Amino acid sequence: YFINLKGKQFRSPLAVMNGIPKSPLNRYLQVTDAVVAYNTYINCESPWHFGVGSNVSEKDVLPLSEIRSDRPDRCIVANNLIYNEKGDANPIMAHDSLDGITFASNVISNNGVGFKAQKGLDAKTFTLKNVSDNILAPSEKIEGDWYQGFDFETINTDIFGQSRAKNNQPGAIVKTPAKVPALLDRSKYGATWFESETVTAEITEQKVSNTKELTEAISTIPDGGNILLAGGEYTLEASLVISKNIGIHSLGDATIQYNGPSETALFQMIPKGDLTLQGLTLKGNGSNYAFATLKQNMSSHYNLEVSDCNISDFNYVLKAYKESMAQTIWFVKTEISDCTNGIELSQETNDKGDYNVEFLNIVKCTFTNVKQNVIDYYRGGYDESTIGGNLTVKGSTFINCGANEENGILLNHRGIINVEIAGNTFNNNAVKRVSVLWGAKNNHESGNTITNSGVIEVQQNLELKMMY
């Protein structure tokens, strides 16, 4: 029973891969003799993907031992039910030929939306009713001759344990049971130490008006608390260590001037640090950093969100070191100017598929006179099933940036799987290329205005180091 799933390709509700001919044991054997029967798919986007990972088009940049050309064979997809409140034009996604798959007695109610005809997937009109929370079943009996293949008689009950002998139906549910078991009772699943329900704690707020109060508040405020800065200048000579969930918000025109030593950070992000900044001006001395991780021992992830801020005169805006990992980094409505380096997330150069942040979002920001590494986000190594990282650059402006960029690319995101660059303005940036998109992956650009800043280039296939 599948409901409201949105994954694609490797992460689709049903993903049947291509294999590698004469595959070694640690790669991908051809899928054969698979049976997919009596499942329900409700409001799942393109629920069936076949031939996932087919990469024959990449044969020029990959060794033959990595070409996944063995299509699924002798596979049966039968007696399944698909229901879409919003019609889906592509319930089946074929990444290669479907010649080794038999479809039989599958039904779809697609809200009147047409789809490519496939023998064995029949459009029918039926409705669903609530059985319990997030469990729906057909409101009426669906007429049809249901497929009976080898060993299908062993599929003799539905998801509730009801017999299929006298009233067989497609999908996971034959009929609404007299007594509905609590299938989605979260307390029944997961590790014993995992709390399935989140407890909302009261948020603590603490107002500060000078540097001493600020440094003390960083240490004493409870996890999840907010520090509220009165207007004025706060001068710091040492890093503020972020080891918990802290928000720092300006009540007026608050400026933090950081005069700490070279290559130290105003905000030192350590494991489990979660920092939100809003409405602040941050200034460095030209040799130090605004944000940085530890150089070693980043044993857990961190998060960073910066909005409505002005950041200037730093060597690095963000410096992430090797083996550090952020879940999410946001820069929103923030001006970044007169910095040697911008957002540096490119230290996993051993090319084993690692990277330094899962989601990097730059929205409605302005970058001015950032010399290099304006955005440098890297993932190396050939790993076909990795779905990250994720880069979004939207509605932002880049002016006079990249003058010292060695590779001549303004926005570096080599190897990142999901990239969206949309609605940005690039003016007078001394680079040859704004971005190089990976055409074979989910890299896209739209609505960008480029003046004296090179071009956005698409490279269909990247040559990557083998990881195995």
Protein backbone atom coordinates (compact mmCIF):
# COMPACT_ATOMS: atom_id res chain seq x y z
CA TYR A 1 0.00 0.00 0.00
CA PHE A 2 1.64 3.21 -1.24
CA ILE A 3 0.18 6.69 -0.73
CA ASN A 4 1.35 10.24 -1.50
CA LEU A 5 4.87 9.24 -2.57
CA LYS A 6 6.79 11.70 -4.75
CA GLY A 7 10.14 10.01 -5.38
CA LYS A 8 11.51 9.56 -8.88
CA GLN A 9 13.80 7.06 -10.60
CA PHE A 10 15.83 5.24 -7.90
CA ARG A 11 13.45 6.58 -5.20
CA SER A 12 10.15 6.01 -7.01
CA PRO A 13 7.41 3.90 -5.36
CA LEU A 14 8.38 1.02 -7.67
CA ALA A 15 11.87 1.20 -9.16
CA VAL A 16 13.04 -1.73 -11.29
CA MET A 17 16.62 -1.21 -12.40
CA ASN A 18 18.65 -2.25 -15.36
CA GLY A 19 21.57 -4.53 -14.58
CA ILE A 20 25.15 -4.77 -15.80
CA PRO A 21 25.99 -7.64 -18.19
CA LYS A 22 28.21 -10.21 -16.46
CA SER A 23 28.00 -8.10 -13.34
CA PRO A 24 30.38 -8.69 -10.44
CA LEU A 25 28.63 -9.50 -7.17
CA ASN A 26 29.06 -6.00 -5.79
CA ARG A 27 27.34 -4.26 -8.72
CA TYR A 28 23.94 -4.88 -10.34
CA LEU A 29 22.62 -8.24 -11.52
CA GLN A 30 19.84 -8.23 -14.08
CA VAL A 31 16.34 -8.30 -12.57
CA THR A 32 14.56 -11.51 -13.59
CA ASP A 33 11.37 -13.31 -12.59
CA ALA A 34 10.10 -10.48 -10.38
CA VAL A 35 6.40 -10.40 -9.50
CA VAL A 36 4.66 -7.14 -8.54
CA ALA A 37 1.07 -7.98 -7.68
CA TYR A 38 -1.90 -6.80 -5.61
CA ASN A 39 -0.46 -3.42 -4.62
CA THR A 40 -2.31 -0.11 -4.24
CA TYR A 41 -0.78 3.21 -5.35
CA ILE A 42 -2.73 6.33 -4.33
CA ASN A 43 -1.68 9.82 -5.45
CA CYS A 44 1.85 8.70 -6.24
CA GLU A 45 3.60 10.64 -9.00
CA SER A 46 4.59 8.29 -11.84
CA PRO A 47 4.60 5.32 -9.48
CA TRP A 48 6.21 2.73 -11.80
CA HIS A 49 9.74 3.25 -13.11
CA PHE A 50 11.35 0.52 -15.22
CA GLY A 51 14.89 0.39 -16.58
CA VAL A 52 16.03 2.77 -13.85
CA GLY A 53 19.71 3.59 -14.13
CA SER A 54 19.94 2.89 -17.85
CA ASN A 55 23.10 4.73 -18.85
CA VAL A 56 23.99 3.56 -22.33
CA SER A 57 24.17 7.24 -23.35
CA GLU A 58 27.14 7.66 -20.97
CA LYS A 59 29.29 4.97 -22.59
CA ASP A 60 31.82 7.57 -23.73
CA VAL A 61 32.68 8.57 -20.15
CA LEU A 62 32.25 5.23 -18.34
CA PRO A 63 33.99 1.86 -18.58
CA LEU A 64 31.96 -1.01 -20.06
CA SER A 65 31.81 -2.62 -16.62
CA GLU A 66 29.55 0.24 -15.49
CA ILE A 67 27.07 0.29 -18.36
CA ARG A 68 23.64 -0.82 -17.13
CA SER A 69 22.08 -2.25 -20.28
CA ASP A 70 20.53 -5.53 -19.04
CA ARG A 71 16.81 -4.84 -19.01
CA PRO A 72 14.41 -6.60 -16.60
CA ASP A 73 13.27 -9.94 -18.00
CA ARG A 74 10.43 -12.39 -17.31
CA CYS A 75 8.82 -9.95 -14.88
CA ILE A 76 5.07 -9.78 -14.13
CA VAL A 77 3.16 -6.69 -12.99
CA ALA A 78 -0.41 -7.76 -12.32
CA ASN A 79 -3.60 -7.00 -10.39
CA ASN A 80 -2.37 -3.66 -9.09
CA LEU A 81 -4.53 -0.59 -8.48
CA ILE A 82 -3.56 3.03 -9.17
CA TYR A 83 -5.74 5.97 -8.11
CA ASN A 84 -4.98 9.64 -8.75
CA GLU A 85 -7.06 12.57 -7.54
CA LYS A 86 -5.00 14.68 -9.94
CA GLY A 87 -4.49 12.81 -13.19
CA ASP A 88 -1.01 11.55 -14.03
CA ALA A 89 0.02 11.59 -17.68
CA ASN A 90 2.89 9.17 -16.98
CA PRO A 91 1.92 6.43 -14.55
CA ILE A 92 4.63 4.28 -16.17
CA MET A 93 8.11 5.72 -16.72
CA ALA A 94 10.12 3.59 -19.14
CA HIS A 95 13.83 4.43 -19.06
CA ASP A 96 14.48 1.57 -21.49
CA SER A 97 12.43 -0.97 -23.44
CA LEU A 98 9.66 -2.80 -21.53
CA ASP A 99 9.97 -5.95 -23.65
CA GLY A 100 10.80 -8.17 -20.67
CA ILE A 101 7.80 -7.11 -18.55
CA THR A 102 4.28 -8.53 -18.73
CA PHE A 103 1.50 -6.21 -17.55
CA ALA A 104 -1.83 -7.87 -16.77
CA SER A 105 -5.12 -6.86 -15.14
CA ASN A 106 -3.85 -3.62 -13.62
CA VAL A 107 -6.41 -0.82 -13.20
CA ILE A 108 -6.08 2.95 -12.94
CA SER A 109 -8.57 5.69 -12.09
CA ASN A 110 -6.84 8.77 -13.46
CA ASN A 111 -9.44 11.52 -13.13
CA GLY A 112 -10.01 11.61 -16.88
CA VAL A 113 -6.40 12.36 -17.78
CA GLY A 114 -5.04 10.37 -20.69
CA PHE A 115 -1.77 8.44 -20.61
CA LYS A 116 0.30 6.40 -23.04
CA ALA A 117 -1.53 3.16 -23.73
CA GLN A 118 -0.02 0.06 -22.17
CA LYS A 119 -1.56 -3.37 -22.60
CA GLY A 120 -2.45 -4.66 -19.16
CA LEU A 121 -3.08 -1.24 -17.58
CA ASP A 122 -6.77 -0.44 -18.00
CA ALA A 123 -8.45 2.88 -17.27
CA LYS A 124 -11.52 2.49 -15.05
CA THR A 125 -13.66 4.89 -13.09
CA PHE A 126 -13.91 4.18 -9.38
CA THR A 127 -13.81 6.13 -6.14
CA LEU A 128 -12.20 5.52 -2.77
CA LYS A 129 -13.49 5.82 0.77
CA ASN A 130 -11.66 6.29 4.05
CA VAL A 131 -11.06 3.11 5.98
CA SER A 132 -8.95 4.91 8.60
CA ASP A 133 -6.38 7.71 8.63
CA ASN A 134 -4.44 7.54 5.33
CA ILE A 135 -5.99 4.16 4.48
CA LEU A 136 -8.40 4.25 1.54
CA ALA A 137 -10.21 1.45 -0.27
CA PRO A 138 -12.44 1.30 -3.37
CA SER A 139 -16.02 2.33 -2.62
CA GLU A 140 -17.46 -0.36 -4.85
CA LYS A 141 -16.48 -3.66 -6.40
CA ILE A 142 -14.25 -3.35 -9.45
CA GLU A 143 -15.26 -5.74 -12.21
CA GLY A 144 -12.62 -7.64 -14.13
CA ASP A 145 -10.84 -10.91 -14.83
CA TRP A 146 -7.84 -10.92 -12.53
CA TYR A 147 -4.59 -12.47 -13.62
CA GLN A 148 -3.71 -15.90 -12.24
CA GLY A 149 -0.05 -16.67 -12.69
CA PHE A 150 2.34 -19.22 -11.26
CA ASP A 151 2.04 -19.36 -7.46
CA PHE A 152 -0.58 -16.58 -7.41
CA GLU A 153 -2.83 -18.86 -5.35
CA THR A 154 -0.45 -18.25 -2.45
CA ILE A 155 -1.46 -14.57 -2.46
CA ASN A 156 -4.70 -15.49 -0.72
CA THR A 157 -5.34 -12.57 1.66
CA ASP A 158 -5.29 -8.78 1.53
CA ILE A 159 -3.40 -6.33 3.75
CA PHE A 160 -5.98 -6.84 6.52
CA GLY A 161 -5.82 -10.64 6.28
CA GLN A 162 -9.17 -10.93 4.48
CA SER A 163 -9.57 -13.87 2.10
CA ARG A 164 -9.34 -13.32 -1.66
CA ALA A 165 -10.97 -16.69 -2.44
CA LYS A 166 -14.55 -15.54 -3.10
CA ASN A 167 -14.24 -11.81 -3.68
CA ASN A 168 -10.88 -11.13 -5.27
CA GLN A 169 -10.04 -7.54 -6.21
CA PRO A 170 -6.99 -5.70 -7.54
CA GLY A 171 -4.85 -3.78 -5.11
CA ALA A 172 -3.93 -4.32 -1.49
CA ILE A 173 -7.47 -4.21 -0.04
CA VAL A 174 -10.34 -6.53 -1.01
CA LYS A 175 -13.00 -4.71 1.01
CA THR A 176 -13.42 -2.60 4.12
CA PRO A 177 -12.99 -4.89 7.14
CA ALA A 178 -15.55 -5.00 9.93
CA LYS A 179 -12.84 -3.96 12.39
CA VAL A 180 -9.98 -1.84 11.12
CA PRO A 181 -6.61 -2.54 12.76
CA ALA A 182 -4.38 0.45 13.52
CA LEU A 183 -1.91 -0.08 10.70
CA LEU A 184 -0.38 3.38 11.08
CA ASP A 185 0.08 3.41 14.84
CA ARG A 186 3.56 4.95 15.03
CA SER A 187 4.23 3.45 18.44
CA LYS A 188 4.39 0.00 16.81
CA TYR A 189 7.34 0.81 14.60
CA GLY A 190 10.96 1.89 14.85
CA ALA A 191 13.66 1.62 17.47
CA THR A 192 12.60 1.59 21.12
CA TRP A 193 14.57 4.77 21.83
CA PHE A 194 12.95 6.77 19.00
CA GLU A 195 10.21 9.22 20.01
CA SER A 196 7.63 9.31 17.23
CA GLU A 197 5.90 12.43 18.53
CA THR A 198 7.83 15.68 18.86
CA VAL A 199 7.39 17.62 22.08
CA THR A 200 7.18 21.39 21.53
CA ALA A 201 9.17 23.27 24.15
CA GLU A 202 8.58 26.86 25.22
CA ILE A 203 10.94 29.26 23.42
CA THR A 204 13.21 31.36 25.64
CA GLU A 205 14.05 34.93 24.59
CA GLN A 206 16.89 36.97 26.03
CA LYS A 207 17.62 40.62 25.25
CA VAL A 208 21.23 41.85 25.17
CA SER A 209 22.72 45.30 24.65
CA ASN A 210 26.51 44.85 24.79
CA THR A 211 29.26 42.42 23.84
CA LYS A 212 29.61 40.86 27.29
CA GLU A 213 25.90 40.10 27.48
CA LEU A 214 26.00 38.59 23.99
CA THR A 215 28.86 36.20 24.77
CA GLU A 216 27.24 35.16 28.05
CA ALA A 217 23.89 34.59 26.36
CA ILE A 218 25.46 32.26 23.78
CA SER A 219 26.63 30.03 26.64
CA THR A 220 23.59 30.20 28.92
CA ILE A 221 20.52 30.38 26.72
CA PRO A 222 18.63 27.05 26.53
CA ASP A 223 18.51 24.99 23.36
CA GLY A 224 16.00 26.56 20.98
CA GLY A 225 16.26 30.02 22.53
CA ASN A 226 16.46 33.39 20.78
CA ILE A 227 18.91 36.18 21.57
CA LEU A 228 17.56 39.65 20.77
CA LEU A 229 20.20 42.31 20.04
CA ALA A 230 19.55 45.98 20.72
CA GLY A 231 20.86 48.40 18.10
CA GLY A 232 24.54 49.29 18.20
CA GLU A 233 27.95 47.74 17.60
CA TYR A 234 29.19 44.55 19.23
CA THR A 235 32.96 44.06 18.91
CA LEU A 236 34.30 40.54 19.32
CA GLU A 237 37.89 39.29 19.54
CA ALA A 238 37.06 35.57 19.82
CA SER A 239 34.64 33.17 18.13
CA LEU A 240 31.08 32.54 19.25
CA VAL A 241 30.75 28.76 19.49
CA ILE A 242 27.41 27.41 18.28
CA SER A 243 26.75 24.02 19.87
CA LYS A 244 22.94 24.05 20.06
CA ASN A 245 19.87 25.54 18.42
CA ILE A 246 20.19 29.33 18.77
CA GLY A 247 18.49 32.25 17.05
CA ILE A 248 20.12 35.71 17.02
CA HIS A 249 17.82 38.53 15.92
CA SER A 250 18.37 42.27 15.66
CA LEU A 251 15.87 44.59 17.33
CA GLY A 252 17.46 47.58 15.60
CA ASP A 253 20.58 48.27 13.55
CA ALA A 254 22.87 45.78 15.27
CA THR A 255 26.39 45.30 13.90
CA ILE A 256 28.84 42.61 14.98
CA GLN A 257 32.45 43.57 14.23
CA TYR A 258 34.73 40.54 14.38
CA ASN A 259 38.42 41.29 14.98
CA GLY A 260 39.49 37.74 15.76
CA PRO A 261 42.70 36.18 14.43
CA SER A 262 43.21 35.19 10.82
CA GLU A 263 41.40 31.99 9.74
CA THR A 264 39.11 31.99 12.76
CA ALA A 265 35.34 32.39 12.49
CA LEU A 266 32.91 34.79 14.06
CA PHE A 267 30.50 31.87 14.37
CA GLN A 268 32.18 28.51 14.99
CA MET A 269 29.75 25.76 13.98
CA ILE A 270 30.34 22.56 15.94
CA PRO A 271 28.42 19.25 15.91
CA LYS A 272 24.66 19.73 16.46
CA GLY A 273 24.98 23.49 16.11
CA ASP A 274 21.88 25.11 14.60
CA LEU A 275 22.12 28.85 14.02
CA THR A 276 19.51 31.31 12.74
CA LEU A 277 20.55 34.93 12.11
CA GLN A 278 18.12 37.69 11.20
CA GLY A 279 18.60 41.38 10.53
CA LEU A 280 22.29 41.69 11.48
CA THR A 281 25.32 43.36 9.94
CA LEU A 282 28.47 41.22 10.16
CA LYS A 283 31.92 42.71 9.46
CA GLY A 284 35.33 41.07 9.45
CA ASN A 285 38.93 42.29 9.20
CA GLY A 286 39.64 40.80 5.78
CA SER A 287 41.50 37.73 7.03
CA ASN A 288 38.93 35.96 9.19
CA TYR A 289 35.70 34.08 8.47
CA ALA A 290 32.04 34.77 9.13
CA PHE A 291 31.12 31.09 9.60
CA ALA A 292 33.24 27.95 9.74
CA THR A 293 33.07 24.36 10.90
CA LEU A 294 35.67 22.61 13.02
CA LYS A 295 38.72 21.42 11.10
CA GLN A 296 38.29 17.97 12.68
CA ASN A 297 35.82 15.92 14.69
CA MET A 298 32.59 17.15 13.09
CA SER A 299 30.81 14.10 14.46
CA SER A 300 27.30 15.35 13.70
CA HIS A 301 25.65 17.70 11.25
CA TYR A 302 24.88 21.39 11.70
CA ASN A 303 22.37 23.87 10.22
CA LEU A 304 22.67 27.52 9.25
CA GLU A 305 20.02 30.06 8.26
CA VAL A 306 20.89 33.69 7.48
CA SER A 307 18.21 36.19 6.46
CA ASP A 308 18.02 39.98 6.01
CA CYS A 309 21.71 40.38 6.89
CA ASN A 310 24.69 42.32 5.52
CA ILE A 311 28.01 40.46 5.45
CA SER A 312 31.27 42.14 4.40
CA ASP A 313 35.06 42.21 4.71
CA PHE A 314 35.67 38.55 5.45
CA ASN A 315 38.16 36.15 3.90
CA TYR A 316 35.42 33.48 3.75
CA VAL A 317 31.70 33.92 4.27
CA LEU A 318 31.45 30.20 5.05
CA LYS A 319 34.33 27.76 5.28
CA ALA A 320 33.36 24.10 5.61
CA TYR A 321 36.19 21.69 6.32
CA LYS A 322 36.57 18.08 5.22
CA GLU A 323 34.19 15.57 6.84
CA SER A 324 31.80 18.30 7.96
CA MET A 325 28.16 17.96 6.94
CA ALA A 326 25.28 20.41 7.10
CA GLN A 327 21.73 19.28 6.58
CA THR A 328 20.49 22.69 5.39
CA ILE A 329 22.12 26.05 4.70
CA TRP A 330 19.97 29.07 3.82
CA PHE A 331 21.01 32.57 2.76
CA VAL A 332 17.90 34.69 2.16
CA LYS A 333 17.60 38.42 1.37
CA THR A 334 21.21 38.90 2.42
CA GLU A 335 23.89 41.18 0.97
CA ILE A 336 27.41 39.76 0.75
CA SER A 337 30.14 42.17 -0.34
CA ASP A 338 33.88 42.80 -0.40
CA CYS A 339 34.90 39.28 0.60
CA THR A 340 37.80 37.27 -0.79
CA ASN A 341 35.79 34.02 -0.80
CA GLY A 342 32.10 33.28 -0.60
CA ILE A 343 30.43 30.01 0.36
CA GLU A 344 33.01 27.20 0.32
CA LEU A 345 31.63 23.65 0.50
CA SER A 346 34.11 21.72 -1.61
CA GLN A 347 36.46 19.80 0.65
CA GLU A 348 35.43 16.21 -0.18
CA THR A 349 38.01 15.89 -2.91
CA ASN A 350 38.77 12.19 -2.39
CA ASP A 351 35.89 11.57 -4.84
CA LYS A 352 34.07 8.92 -2.83
CA GLY A 353 30.62 10.43 -3.29
CA ASP A 354 30.72 12.64 -0.20
CA TYR A 355 29.74 16.30 -0.02
CA ASN A 356 29.49 19.01 2.66
CA VAL A 357 25.80 19.98 2.70
CA GLU A 358 22.59 18.26 1.69
CA PHE A 359 20.54 21.38 0.85
CA LEU A 360 22.13 24.74 -0.08
CA ASN A 361 19.60 27.51 -0.77
CA ILE A 362 20.51 31.02 -1.95
CA VAL A 363 17.36 33.12 -2.36
CA LYS A 364 17.03 36.85 -3.14
CA CYS A 365 20.62 37.61 -2.15
CA THR A 366 23.15 40.08 -3.58
CA PHE A 367 26.84 39.22 -4.03
CA THR A 368 29.16 42.15 -4.80
CA ASN A 369 32.95 42.07 -5.17
CA VAL A 370 33.40 38.50 -3.99
CA LYS A 371 36.71 37.52 -5.56
CA GLN A 372 36.43 33.72 -5.82
CA ASN A 373 34.53 30.67 -4.61
CA VAL A 374 31.35 32.71 -4.75
CA ILE A 375 29.51 29.42 -4.43
CA ASP A 376 31.72 26.33 -4.44
CA TYR A 377 29.77 23.12 -3.79
CA TYR A 378 31.40 19.85 -4.83
CA ARG A 379 30.64 16.16 -4.97
CA GLY A 380 33.04 13.78 -6.71
CA GLY A 381 33.03 10.14 -7.66
CA TYR A 382 30.76 8.05 -9.84
CA ASP A 383 27.86 6.77 -7.72
CA GLU A 384 24.74 6.30 -9.79
CA SER A 385 22.28 6.03 -6.90
CA THR A 386 23.25 9.18 -4.98
CA ILE A 387 20.42 11.75 -5.04
CA GLY A 388 22.28 14.75 -3.57
CA GLY A 389 23.34 17.34 -3.09
CA ASN A 390 20.73 19.97 -3.71
CA LEU A 391 21.49 23.53 -4.81
CA THR A 392 18.95 26.31 -5.33
CA VAL A 393 20.00 29.79 -6.47
CA LYS A 394 16.93 31.95 -7.12
CA GLY A 395 16.18 35.64 -7.51
CA SER A 396 19.72 36.71 -6.62
CA THR A 397 22.14 39.26 -8.08
CA PHE A 398 25.88 38.83 -8.69
CA ILE A 399 27.93 41.96 -9.47
CA ASN A 400 31.70 42.22 -10.10
CA CYS A 401 32.39 38.77 -8.68
CA GLY A 402 34.81 36.01 -9.63
CA ALA A 403 37.82 38.16 -10.56
CA ASN A 404 40.25 35.63 -9.04
CA GLU A 405 38.34 32.47 -9.94
CA GLU A 406 40.96 30.05 -11.29
CA ASN A 407 38.61 27.88 -13.34
CA GLY A 408 36.65 30.81 -14.73
CA ILE A 409 33.30 29.54 -13.39
CA LEU A 410 31.25 31.79 -11.11
CA LEU A 411 28.94 29.20 -9.53
CA ASN A 412 30.79 25.91 -9.03
CA HIS A 413 28.64 22.87 -8.36
CA ARG A 414 30.41 20.01 -10.10
CA GLY A 415 28.85 16.62 -9.34
CA ILE A 416 25.79 18.01 -7.55
CA ILE A 417 22.74 16.05 -8.68
CA ASN A 418 19.93 18.59 -8.18
CA VAL A 419 20.59 22.17 -9.26
CA GLU A 420 18.13 24.99 -9.94
CA ILE A 421 19.45 28.38 -11.07
CA ALA A 422 16.47 30.60 -11.81
CA GLY A 423 15.54 34.27 -12.06
CA ASN A 424 18.99 35.62 -11.23
CA THR A 425 20.90 38.64 -12.55
CA PHE A 426 24.61 38.43 -13.40
CA ASN A 427 26.35 41.76 -14.15
CA ASN A 428 30.01 42.35 -15.00
CA ASN A 429 31.44 39.21 -13.46
CA ALA A 430 34.96 38.44 -14.72
CA VAL A 431 34.34 34.80 -15.60
CA LYS A 432 33.95 32.73 -18.75
CA ARG A 433 31.00 30.76 -17.47
CA VAL A 434 28.32 31.50 -14.90
CA SER A 435 27.64 27.80 -14.38
CA VAL A 436 28.21 24.39 -15.94
CA LEU A 437 25.05 22.29 -15.66
CA TRP A 438 25.14 18.49 -15.67
CA GLY A 439 22.67 17.69 -18.41
CA ALA A 440 22.19 14.02 -17.52
CA LYS A 441 21.03 14.92 -14.02
CA ASN A 442 18.41 17.20 -12.53
CA ASN A 443 20.27 20.44 -13.33
CA HIS A 444 18.17 23.30 -14.72
CA GLU A 445 18.31 27.03 -15.32
CA SER A 446 15.61 29.51 -16.35
CA GLY A 447 14.88 33.21 -16.49
CA ASN A 448 18.42 34.40 -15.80
CA THR A 449 19.77 37.74 -17.09
CA ILE A 450 23.48 37.68 -17.96
CA THR A 451 25.52 40.77 -18.86
CA ASN A 452 29.30 40.66 -19.34
CA SER A 453 29.48 37.50 -17.27
CA GLY A 454 30.07 34.64 -19.68
CA VAL A 455 27.45 31.99 -20.32
CA ILE A 456 25.60 29.14 -18.68
CA GLU A 457 26.86 25.92 -20.25
CA VAL A 458 25.35 22.43 -20.29
CA GLN A 459 27.64 19.40 -20.23
CA GLN A 460 25.53 16.31 -20.80
CA ASN A 461 27.85 13.75 -19.22
CA LEU A 462 30.61 14.32 -16.68
CA GLU A 463 33.68 12.15 -16.52
CA LEU A 464 33.98 11.11 -12.88
CA LYS A 465 36.41 8.94 -10.94
CA MET A 466 35.22 5.43 -10.20
CA MET A 467 34.45 4.88 -6.52
CA TYR A 468 34.83 1.10 -6.42
